[in-house]
C-alpha atoms as a PDB file:
ATOM      1  CA  MET A   1      89.632 170.901 123.350  1.00  0.00           C
ATOM      2  CA  THR A   2      92.204 170.338 126.102  1.00  0.00           C
ATOM      3  CA  ARG A   3      92.129 170.251 129.888  1.00  0.00           C
ATOM      4  CA  ARG A   4      95.713 170.174 131.142  1.00  0.00           C
ATOM      5  CA  LEU A   5      97.742 169.417 128.069  1.00  0.00           C
ATOM      6  CA  SER A   6      98.739 172.313 125.872  1.00  0.00           C
ATOM      7  CA  LEU A   7     100.842 171.188 122.889  1.00  0.00           C
ATOM      8  CA  VAL A   8     102.132 173.831 120.502  1.00  0.00           C
ATOM      9  CA  LEU A   9     102.193 171.960 117.140  1.00  0.00           C
ATOM     10  CA  ALA A  10     104.218 173.426 114.251  1.00  0.00           C
ATOM     11  CA  ALA A  11     101.818 172.682 111.481  1.00  0.00           C
ATOM     12  CA  LEU A  12     101.272 173.606 107.838  1.00  0.00           C
ATOM     13  CA  GLY A  13      97.754 172.102 108.187  1.00  0.00           C
ATOM     14  CA  MET A  14      95.713 173.118 111.179  1.00  0.00           C
ATOM     15  CA  LEU A  15      94.444 170.630 113.715  1.00  0.00           C
ATOM     16  CA  SER A  16      90.882 170.606 114.955  1.00  0.00           C
ATOM     17  CA  VAL A  17      90.966 168.148 117.794  1.00  0.00           C
ATOM     18  CA  LEU A  18      93.384 167.480 120.627  1.00  0.00           C
ATOM     19  CA  THR A  19      92.787 164.771 123.238  1.00  0.00           C
ATOM     20  CA  PRO A  20      92.566 165.711 126.979  1.00  0.00           C
ATOM     21  CA  ALA A  21      95.768 164.879 128.834  1.00  0.00           C
ATOM     22  CA  MET A  22      96.050 162.275 131.568  1.00  0.00           C
ATOM     23  CA  SER A  23      95.988 163.692 135.033  1.00  0.00           C
ATOM     24  CA  SER A  24      99.697 163.025 135.359  1.00  0.00           C
ATOM     25  CA  ALA A  25     102.400 161.591 133.183  1.00  0.00           C
ATOM     26  CA  SER A  26     102.690 157.823 133.544  1.00  0.00           C
ATOM     27  CA  ALA A  27     105.226 155.298 132.379  1.00  0.00           C
ATOM     28  CA  ALA A  28     102.994 154.772 129.340  1.00  0.00           C
ATOM     29  CA  GLY A  29     103.221 158.445 128.398  1.00  0.00           C
ATOM     30  CA  ILE A  30     100.537 160.994 127.640  1.00  0.00           C
ATOM     31  CA  PRO A  31      98.225 160.181 124.662  1.00  0.00           C
ATOM     32  CA  VAL A  32      97.792 162.903 122.029  1.00  0.00           C
ATOM     33  CA  GLN A  33      95.615 162.988 118.984  1.00  0.00           C
ATOM     34  CA  GLY A  34      94.243 165.246 116.321  1.00  0.00           C
ATOM     35  CA  TRP A  35      92.168 165.604 113.175  1.00  0.00           C
ATOM     36  CA  SER A  36      93.316 167.390 110.096  1.00  0.00           C
ATOM     37  CA  GLU A  37      91.206 170.139 108.588  1.00  0.00           C
ATOM     38  CA  PRO A  38      89.230 168.980 105.497  1.00  0.00           C
ATOM     39  CA  GLU A  39      91.531 169.232 102.445  1.00  0.00           C
ATOM     40  CA  ALA A  40      89.811 169.714  99.118  1.00  0.00           C
ATOM     41  CA  VAL A  41      90.648 169.858  95.398  1.00  0.00           C
ATOM     42  CA  MET A  42      88.832 172.003  92.816  1.00  0.00           C
ATOM     43  CA  ALA A  43      88.498 172.337  89.061  1.00  0.00           C
ATOM     44  CA  GLY A  44      89.049 175.564  87.280  1.00  0.00           C
ATOM     45  CA  VAL A  45      91.525 177.847  85.520  1.00  0.00           C
ATOM     46  CA  THR A  46      94.357 179.531  87.402  1.00  0.00           C
ATOM     47  CA  THR A  47      97.376 181.655  86.584  1.00  0.00           C
ATOM     48  CA  PRO A  48     100.820 179.897  86.673  1.00  0.00           C
ATOM     49  CA  GLN A  49     102.346 179.489  90.098  1.00  0.00           C
ATOM     50  CA  THR A  50     105.924 178.483  90.930  1.00  0.00           C
ATOM     51  CA  GLY A  51     105.711 177.857  94.703  1.00  0.00           C
ATOM     52  CA  ALA A  52     106.694 174.842  96.807  1.00  0.00           C
ATOM     53  CA  LEU A  53     106.728 171.498  94.988  1.00  0.00           C
ATOM     54  CA  TYR A  54     105.112 169.857  98.013  1.00  0.00           C
ATOM     55  CA  THR A  55     104.128 170.643 101.606  1.00  0.00           C
ATOM     56  CA  ILE A  56     103.450 168.447 104.636  1.00  0.00           C
ATOM     57  CA  SER A  57      99.959 168.708 106.139  1.00  0.00           C
ATOM     58  CA  THR A  58     101.022 168.510 109.772  1.00  0.00           C
ATOM     59  CA  LEU A  59     104.402 168.684 111.473  1.00  0.00           C
ATOM     60  CA  LEU A  60     104.914 167.425 114.977  1.00  0.00           C
ATOM     61  CA  GLU A  61     108.244 168.435 116.533  1.00  0.00           C
ATOM     62  CA  GLY A  62     109.538 169.010 113.037  1.00  0.00           C
ATOM     63  CA  LYS A  63     108.516 165.662 111.703  1.00  0.00           C
ATOM     64  CA  ALA A  64     105.727 164.800 109.285  1.00  0.00           C
ATOM     65  CA  ILE A  65     102.662 163.124 110.746  1.00  0.00           C
ATOM     66  CA  ARG A  66     102.162 160.164 108.466  1.00  0.00           C
ATOM     67  CA  TRP A  67     101.035 156.539 108.407  1.00  0.00           C
ATOM     68  CA  ASN A  68     103.344 153.861 109.726  1.00  0.00           C
ATOM     69  CA  PRO A  69     104.427 152.630 106.276  1.00  0.00           C
ATOM     70  CA  CYS A  70     105.482 149.258 107.703  1.00  0.00           C
ATOM     71  CA  THR A  71     101.939 148.091 108.551  1.00  0.00           C
ATOM     72  CA  PRO A  72      99.113 147.506 106.015  1.00  0.00           C
ATOM     73  CA  ILE A  73      96.547 150.254 105.499  1.00  0.00           C
ATOM     74  CA  HIS A  74      93.028 148.811 105.305  1.00  0.00           C
ATOM     75  CA  TRP A  75      90.272 150.514 103.290  1.00  0.00           C
ATOM     76  CA  GLN A  76      86.621 150.189 102.370  1.00  0.00           C
ATOM     77  CA  PHE A  77      84.533 151.500  99.492  1.00  0.00           C
ATOM     78  CA  ARG A  78      81.069 152.967  99.425  1.00  0.00           C
ATOM     79  CA  ALA A  79      79.380 151.665  96.300  1.00  0.00           C
ATOM     80  CA  ASN A  80      76.306 153.811  96.632  1.00  0.00           C
ATOM     81  CA  GLY A  81      76.434 156.776  94.299  1.00  0.00           C
ATOM     82  CA  ALA A  82      79.646 155.637  92.588  1.00  0.00           C
ATOM     83  CA  PRO A  83      79.854 155.923  88.787  1.00  0.00           C
ATOM     84  CA  ALA A  84      80.191 152.770  86.771  1.00  0.00           C
ATOM     85  CA  GLY A  85      83.818 151.735  86.977  1.00  0.00           C
ATOM     86  CA  GLY A  86      84.402 153.864  90.011  1.00  0.00           C
ATOM     87  CA  LEU A  87      85.784 151.040  92.209  1.00  0.00           C
ATOM     88  CA  THR A  88      88.222 150.014  89.493  1.00  0.00           C
ATOM     89  CA  VAL A  89      89.573 153.575  89.267  1.00  0.00           C
ATOM     90  CA  VAL A  90      89.881 153.772  93.083  1.00  0.00           C
ATOM     91  CA  LYS A  91      91.788 150.512  93.117  1.00  0.00           C
ATOM     92  CA  GLN A  92      94.089 151.683  90.391  1.00  0.00           C
ATOM     93  CA  THR A  93      94.893 154.972  92.129  1.00  0.00           C
ATOM     94  CA  ILE A  94      95.497 153.166  95.421  1.00  0.00           C
ATOM     95  CA  ALA A  95      97.953 150.940  93.568  1.00  0.00           C
ATOM     96  CA  ARG A  96      99.757 154.034  92.242  1.00  0.00           C
ATOM     97  CA  VAL A  97     100.074 155.704  95.586  1.00  0.00           C
ATOM     98  CA  ALA A  98     101.093 152.382  97.215  1.00  0.00           C
ATOM     99  CA  GLN A  99     103.852 152.133  94.657  1.00  0.00           C
ATOM    100  CA  ALA A 100     105.046 155.721  95.247  1.00  0.00           C
ATOM    101  CA  THR A 101     105.063 155.261  99.050  1.00  0.00           C
ATOM    102  CA  ARG A 102     105.974 151.588  99.149  1.00  0.00           C
ATOM    103  CA  THR A 103     103.003 150.950 101.417  1.00  0.00           C
ATOM    104  CA  THR A 104     100.590 148.039 101.465  1.00  0.00           C
ATOM    105  CA  TRP A 105      96.866 148.587 101.119  1.00  0.00           C
ATOM    106  CA  VAL A 106      94.252 145.932 101.905  1.00  0.00           C
ATOM    107  CA  PHE A 107      90.676 146.082 100.532  1.00  0.00           C
ATOM    108  CA  ASP A 108      88.107 145.168 103.186  1.00  0.00           C
ATOM    109  CA  GLY A 109      85.036 145.236 100.987  1.00  0.00           C
ATOM    110  CA  THR A 110      82.102 147.642 100.457  1.00  0.00           C
ATOM    111  CA  VAL A 111      79.863 149.526 102.967  1.00  0.00           C
ATOM    112  CA  SER A 112      76.833 151.704 102.634  1.00  0.00           C
ATOM    113  CA  THR A 113      77.964 154.413 105.029  1.00  0.00           C
ATOM    114  CA  ALA A 114      78.519 157.808 103.467  1.00  0.00           C
ATOM    115  CA  PRO A 115      82.103 159.192 103.813  1.00  0.00           C
ATOM    116  CA  ALA A 116      81.808 161.865 106.517  1.00  0.00           C
ATOM    117  CA  THR A 117      83.637 163.190 109.562  1.00  0.00           C
ATOM    118  CA  THR A 118      81.685 160.828 111.791  1.00  0.00           C
ATOM    119  CA  TRP A 119      83.652 157.918 110.284  1.00  0.00           C
ATOM    120  CA  LEU A 120      86.829 159.207 111.955  1.00  0.00           C
ATOM    121  CA  PRO A 121      87.664 157.724 115.379  1.00  0.00           C
ATOM    122  CA  ARG A 122      87.976 159.757 118.566  1.00  0.00           C
ATOM    123  CA  SER A 123      90.238 157.151 120.192  1.00  0.00           C
ATOM    124  CA  THR A 124      92.431 154.262 119.141  1.00  0.00           C
ATOM    125  CA  SER A 125      89.688 151.856 120.234  1.00  0.00           C
ATOM    126  CA  GLY A 126      87.504 153.094 117.313  1.00  0.00           C
ATOM    127  CA  ILE A 127      89.912 152.678 114.421  1.00  0.00           C
ATOM    128  CA  ARG A 128      88.236 151.687 111.204  1.00  0.00           C
ATOM    129  CA  PRO A 129      89.491 151.229 107.619  1.00  0.00           C
ATOM    130  CA  VAL A 130      90.001 154.232 105.387  1.00  0.00           C
ATOM    131  CA  LEU A 131      86.590 154.965 103.829  1.00  0.00           C
ATOM    132  CA  ILE A 132      86.436 156.128 100.212  1.00  0.00           C
ATOM    133  CA  GLY A 133      83.342 156.851  98.165  1.00  0.00           C
ATOM    134  CA  TRP A 134      81.026 159.199  96.368  1.00  0.00           C
ATOM    135  CA  ALA A 135      78.327 161.249  98.195  1.00  0.00           C
ATOM    136  CA  ASP A 136      76.708 164.693  98.188  1.00  0.00           C
ATOM    137  CA  ALA A 137      76.359 167.573 100.601  1.00  0.00           C
ATOM    138  CA  ALA A 138      73.097 166.050 101.981  1.00  0.00           C
ATOM    139  CA  SER A 139      74.864 162.904 103.156  1.00  0.00           C
ATOM    140  CA  SER A 140      78.406 164.127 103.934  1.00  0.00           C
ATOM    141  CA  ASP A 141      79.372 167.091 106.110  1.00  0.00           C
ATOM    142  CA  LEU A 142      82.680 167.236 104.294  1.00  0.00           C
ATOM    143  CA  LEU A 143      80.957 168.583 101.166  1.00  0.00           C
ATOM    144  CA  ARG A 144      78.762 171.086 102.928  1.00  0.00           C
ATOM    145  CA  ASN A 145      79.541 174.796 102.644  1.00  0.00           C
ATOM    146  CA  GLN A 146      82.342 174.054 100.211  1.00  0.00           C
ATOM    147  CA  PRO A 147      83.122 176.501  97.374  1.00  0.00           C
ATOM    148  CA  ARG A 148      81.628 175.745  94.018  1.00  0.00           C
ATOM    149  CA  GLY A 149      83.976 173.582  92.016  1.00  0.00           C
ATOM    150  CA  VAL A 150      85.123 171.317  94.843  1.00  0.00           C
ATOM    151  CA  LEU A 151      85.441 167.751  93.566  1.00  0.00           C
ATOM    152  CA  GLY A 152      86.637 165.829  96.611  1.00  0.00           C
ATOM    153  CA  VAL A 153      87.611 166.258 100.265  1.00  0.00           C
ATOM    154  CA  THR A 154      89.846 164.307 102.582  1.00  0.00           C
ATOM    155  CA  ARG A 155      90.205 164.321 106.403  1.00  0.00           C
ATOM    156  CA  THR A 156      92.531 162.286 108.557  1.00  0.00           C
ATOM    157  CA  ALA A 157      92.923 161.354 112.223  1.00  0.00           C
ATOM    158  CA  TRP A 158      96.239 160.790 114.036  1.00  0.00           C
ATOM    159  CA  PHE A 159      97.207 159.318 117.415  1.00  0.00           C
ATOM    160  CA  GLY A 160     100.361 159.203 119.387  1.00  0.00           C
ATOM    161  CA  VAL A 161     102.119 159.399 122.743  1.00  0.00           C
ATOM    162  CA  GLN A 162     104.181 162.150 124.480  1.00  0.00           C
ATOM    163  CA  LYS A 163     106.891 160.480 126.551  1.00  0.00           C
ATOM    164  CA  ASP A 164     110.219 161.575 127.913  1.00  0.00           C
ATOM    165  CA  GLY A 165     109.851 164.967 126.263  1.00  0.00           C
ATOM    166  CA  THR A 166     109.235 163.548 122.808  1.00  0.00           C
ATOM    167  CA  THR A 167     105.990 163.034 120.972  1.00  0.00           C
ATOM    168  CA  VAL A 168     105.596 160.211 118.402  1.00  0.00           C
ATOM    169  CA  ALA A 169     102.401 159.940 116.373  1.00  0.00           C
ATOM    170  CA  SER A 170     100.997 158.550 113.136  1.00  0.00           C
ATOM    171  CA  ILE A 171      97.914 158.809 110.965  1.00  0.00           C
ATOM    172  CA  ARG A 172      95.584 155.966 111.836  1.00  0.00           C
ATOM    173  CA  ALA A 173      92.407 156.770 109.910  1.00  0.00           C
ATOM    174  CA  ALA A 174      91.143 158.736 106.914  1.00  0.00           C
ATOM    175  CA  VAL A 175      87.956 159.431 105.011  1.00  0.00           C
ATOM    176  CA  ILE A 176      87.766 160.539 101.350  1.00  0.00           C
ATOM    177  CA  VAL A 177      84.545 161.755  99.744  1.00  0.00           C
ATOM    178  CA  LEU A 178      84.055 162.513  96.079  1.00  0.00           C
ATOM    179  CA  ASP A 179      81.187 164.770  95.013  1.00  0.00           C
ATOM    180  CA  ARG A 180      78.769 162.555  93.011  1.00  0.00           C
ATOM    181  CA  THR A 181      77.053 165.683  91.604  1.00  0.00           C
ATOM    182  CA  ASP A 182      80.136 166.386  89.540  1.00  0.00           C
ATOM    183  CA  LYS A 183      80.203 164.661  86.160  1.00  0.00           C
ATOM    184  CA  LEU A 184      83.771 163.728  85.382  1.00  0.00           C
ATOM    185  CA  PRO A 185      85.310 161.088  83.083  1.00  0.00           C
ATOM    186  CA  LEU A 186      86.968 158.180  84.870  1.00  0.00           C
ATOM    187  CA  THR A 187      90.407 158.875  83.463  1.00  0.00           C
ATOM    188  CA  GLY A 188      92.393 161.647  81.749  1.00  0.00           C
ATOM    189  CA  PRO A 189      92.995 165.273  83.020  1.00  0.00           C
ATOM    190  CA  VAL A 190      90.471 166.554  85.520  1.00  0.00           C
ATOM    191  CA  SER A 191      89.019 163.076  85.987  1.00  0.00           C
ATOM    192  CA  TRP A 192      87.995 160.878  88.916  1.00  0.00           C
ATOM    193  CA  ARG A 193      91.422 159.298  88.611  1.00  0.00           C
ATOM    194  CA  THR A 194      93.281 162.615  89.116  1.00  0.00           C
ATOM    195  CA  VAL A 195      90.868 163.604  91.890  1.00  0.00           C
ATOM    196  CA  MET A 196      91.522 160.330  93.680  1.00  0.00           C
ATOM    197  CA  LEU A 197      95.269 160.608  93.299  1.00  0.00           C
ATOM    198  CA  HIS A 198      95.095 164.083  94.782  1.00  0.00           C
ATOM    199  CA  GLU A 199      92.919 163.049  97.716  1.00  0.00           C
ATOM    200  CA  LEU A 200      94.903 159.862  98.418  1.00  0.00           C
ATOM    201  CA  THR A 201      98.031 161.974  98.594  1.00  0.00           C
ATOM    202  CA  HIS A 202      96.273 164.163 101.172  1.00  0.00           C
ATOM    203  CA  ALA A 203      95.387 161.029 103.096  1.00  0.00           C
ATOM    204  CA  MET A 204      99.064 160.059 103.190  1.00  0.00           C
ATOM    205  CA  GLY A 205      99.942 163.326 104.870  1.00  0.00           C
ATOM    206  CA  LEU A 206     100.651 165.948 102.152  1.00  0.00           C
ATOM    207  CA  ASN A 207      99.067 169.387 101.865  1.00  0.00           C
ATOM    208  CA  HIS A 208      98.695 171.443  98.687  1.00  0.00           C
ATOM    209  CA  ALA A 209     101.688 172.319  96.545  1.00  0.00           C
ATOM    210  CA  GLY A 210     102.389 175.906  95.581  1.00  0.00           C
ATOM    211  CA  SER A 211     103.276 174.999  92.037  1.00  0.00           C
ATOM    212  CA  ASN A 212     100.614 174.333  89.479  1.00  0.00           C
ATOM    213  CA  ARG A 213     102.972 171.963  87.790  1.00  0.00           C
ATOM    214  CA  GLN A 214     102.133 169.409  90.552  1.00  0.00           C
ATOM    215  CA  LEU A 215      98.993 167.317  90.897  1.00  0.00           C
ATOM    216  CA  MET A 216      98.792 168.519  94.492  1.00  0.00           C
ATOM    217  CA  TYR A 217      98.104 172.081  93.437  1.00  0.00           C
ATOM    218  CA  PRO A 218      94.660 172.938  94.881  1.00  0.00           C
ATOM    219  CA  VAL A 219      93.122 173.288  91.435  1.00  0.00           C
ATOM    220  CA  LEU A 220      93.489 170.375  88.998  1.00  0.00           C
ATOM    221  CA  GLN A 221      95.365 171.349  85.865  1.00  0.00           C
ATOM    222  CA  ARG A 222      94.191 170.247  82.478  1.00  0.00           C
ATOM    223  CA  ASN A 223      97.633 169.121  81.369  1.00  0.00           C
ATOM    224  CA  LEU A 224      98.258 166.716  84.277  1.00  0.00           C
ATOM    225  CA  THR A 225      97.079 163.115  84.442  1.00  0.00           C
ATOM    226  CA  ASP A 226      99.514 161.617  87.034  1.00  0.00           C
ATOM    227  CA  LEU A 227     101.672 162.384  90.029  1.00  0.00           C
ATOM    228  CA  GLN A 228     104.528 164.759  89.232  1.00  0.00           C
ATOM    229  CA  SER A 229     108.058 165.123  90.503  1.00  0.00           C
ATOM    230  CA  GLY A 230     107.151 167.264  93.570  1.00  0.00           C
ATOM    231  CA  ASP A 231     104.209 164.971  94.409  1.00  0.00           C
ATOM    232  CA  LEU A 232     106.559 161.938  94.351  1.00  0.00           C
ATOM    233  CA  GLN A 233     109.145 163.764  96.442  1.00  0.00           C
ATOM    234  CA  GLY A 234     106.552 164.535  99.058  1.00  0.00           C
ATOM    235  CA  LEU A 235     105.220 160.990  99.044  1.00  0.00           C
ATOM    236  CA  ALA A 236     108.697 159.659  99.614  1.00  0.00           C
ATOM    237  CA  LYS A 237     108.843 161.871 102.744  1.00  0.00           C
ATOM    238  CA  VAL A 238     105.766 160.184 104.162  1.00  0.00           C
ATOM    239  CA  GLY A 239     106.404 156.698 102.848  1.00  0.00           C
ATOM    240  CA  ARG A 240     108.535 153.755 103.684  1.00  0.00           C
ATOM    241  CA  ALA A 241     111.713 155.607 102.751  1.00  0.00           C
ATOM    242  CA  ALA A 242     111.182 157.742 105.833  1.00  0.00           C
ATOM    243  CA  GLY A 243     111.254 154.648 108.028  1.00  0.00           C
ATOM    244  CA  CYS A 244     108.826 152.769 110.303  1.00  0.00           C
ATOM    245  CA  ILE A 245     106.998 154.493 113.143  1.00  0.00           C
ATOM    246  CA  THR A 246     107.006 152.931 116.615  1.00  0.00           C
ATOM    247  CA  ILE A 247     104.604 154.520 119.108  1.00  0.00           C
ATOM    248  CA  PRO A 248     106.107 154.255 122.698  1.00  0.00           C
ATOM    249  CA  SER A 249     104.151 152.075 125.068  1.00  0.00           C
END
């Protein structure tokens, strides 16, 4: 949805929203924004694959769109519908991803709102913490019309500025929904822990891996319980090792 701004974004993950451009470029630059497509993980049996160890969800001018790893990421939890011990598992997986990316996450408490696309902001004035929780297709659009076997879905929102011929942007918001109608153990292979690790890695800016030896393969494998070498390589590309992000003002 654009009026005068037409950006061609080289992306491995498609974008669903672009902000209208300002009527003319100003000293502050032209604001740009986008939402990722919903990214899901499934359970099932697949044949061996040996593709890419990791992929970036969205590239902007050849660079990964990611969080600014030098500022805290705030998050909230939806307790409604969560299995017993669910919050503990979420905290543990956040700690794992925080360790892999060298980012800081801050828990802002619980909410009753279902994780859905409506949680994502349409402008920087509406930024809210990352929302994580269990729901079903009746309460979250992210789970509607998904193939059978989908366990969780993530969607992110990014914002930036185009100035002096260069565009700088970062992820500023995310929502993660886990399907409460699925009955999984909290830990182990194909568990809520592995689902959360997969979805949090999406939230950080990675897409699916082509190799089923990675946790980011689109179907959870029954021999994996943690992030693998390719997953960790990808997380390094979107974490603090990649440097801070400064949006031009």
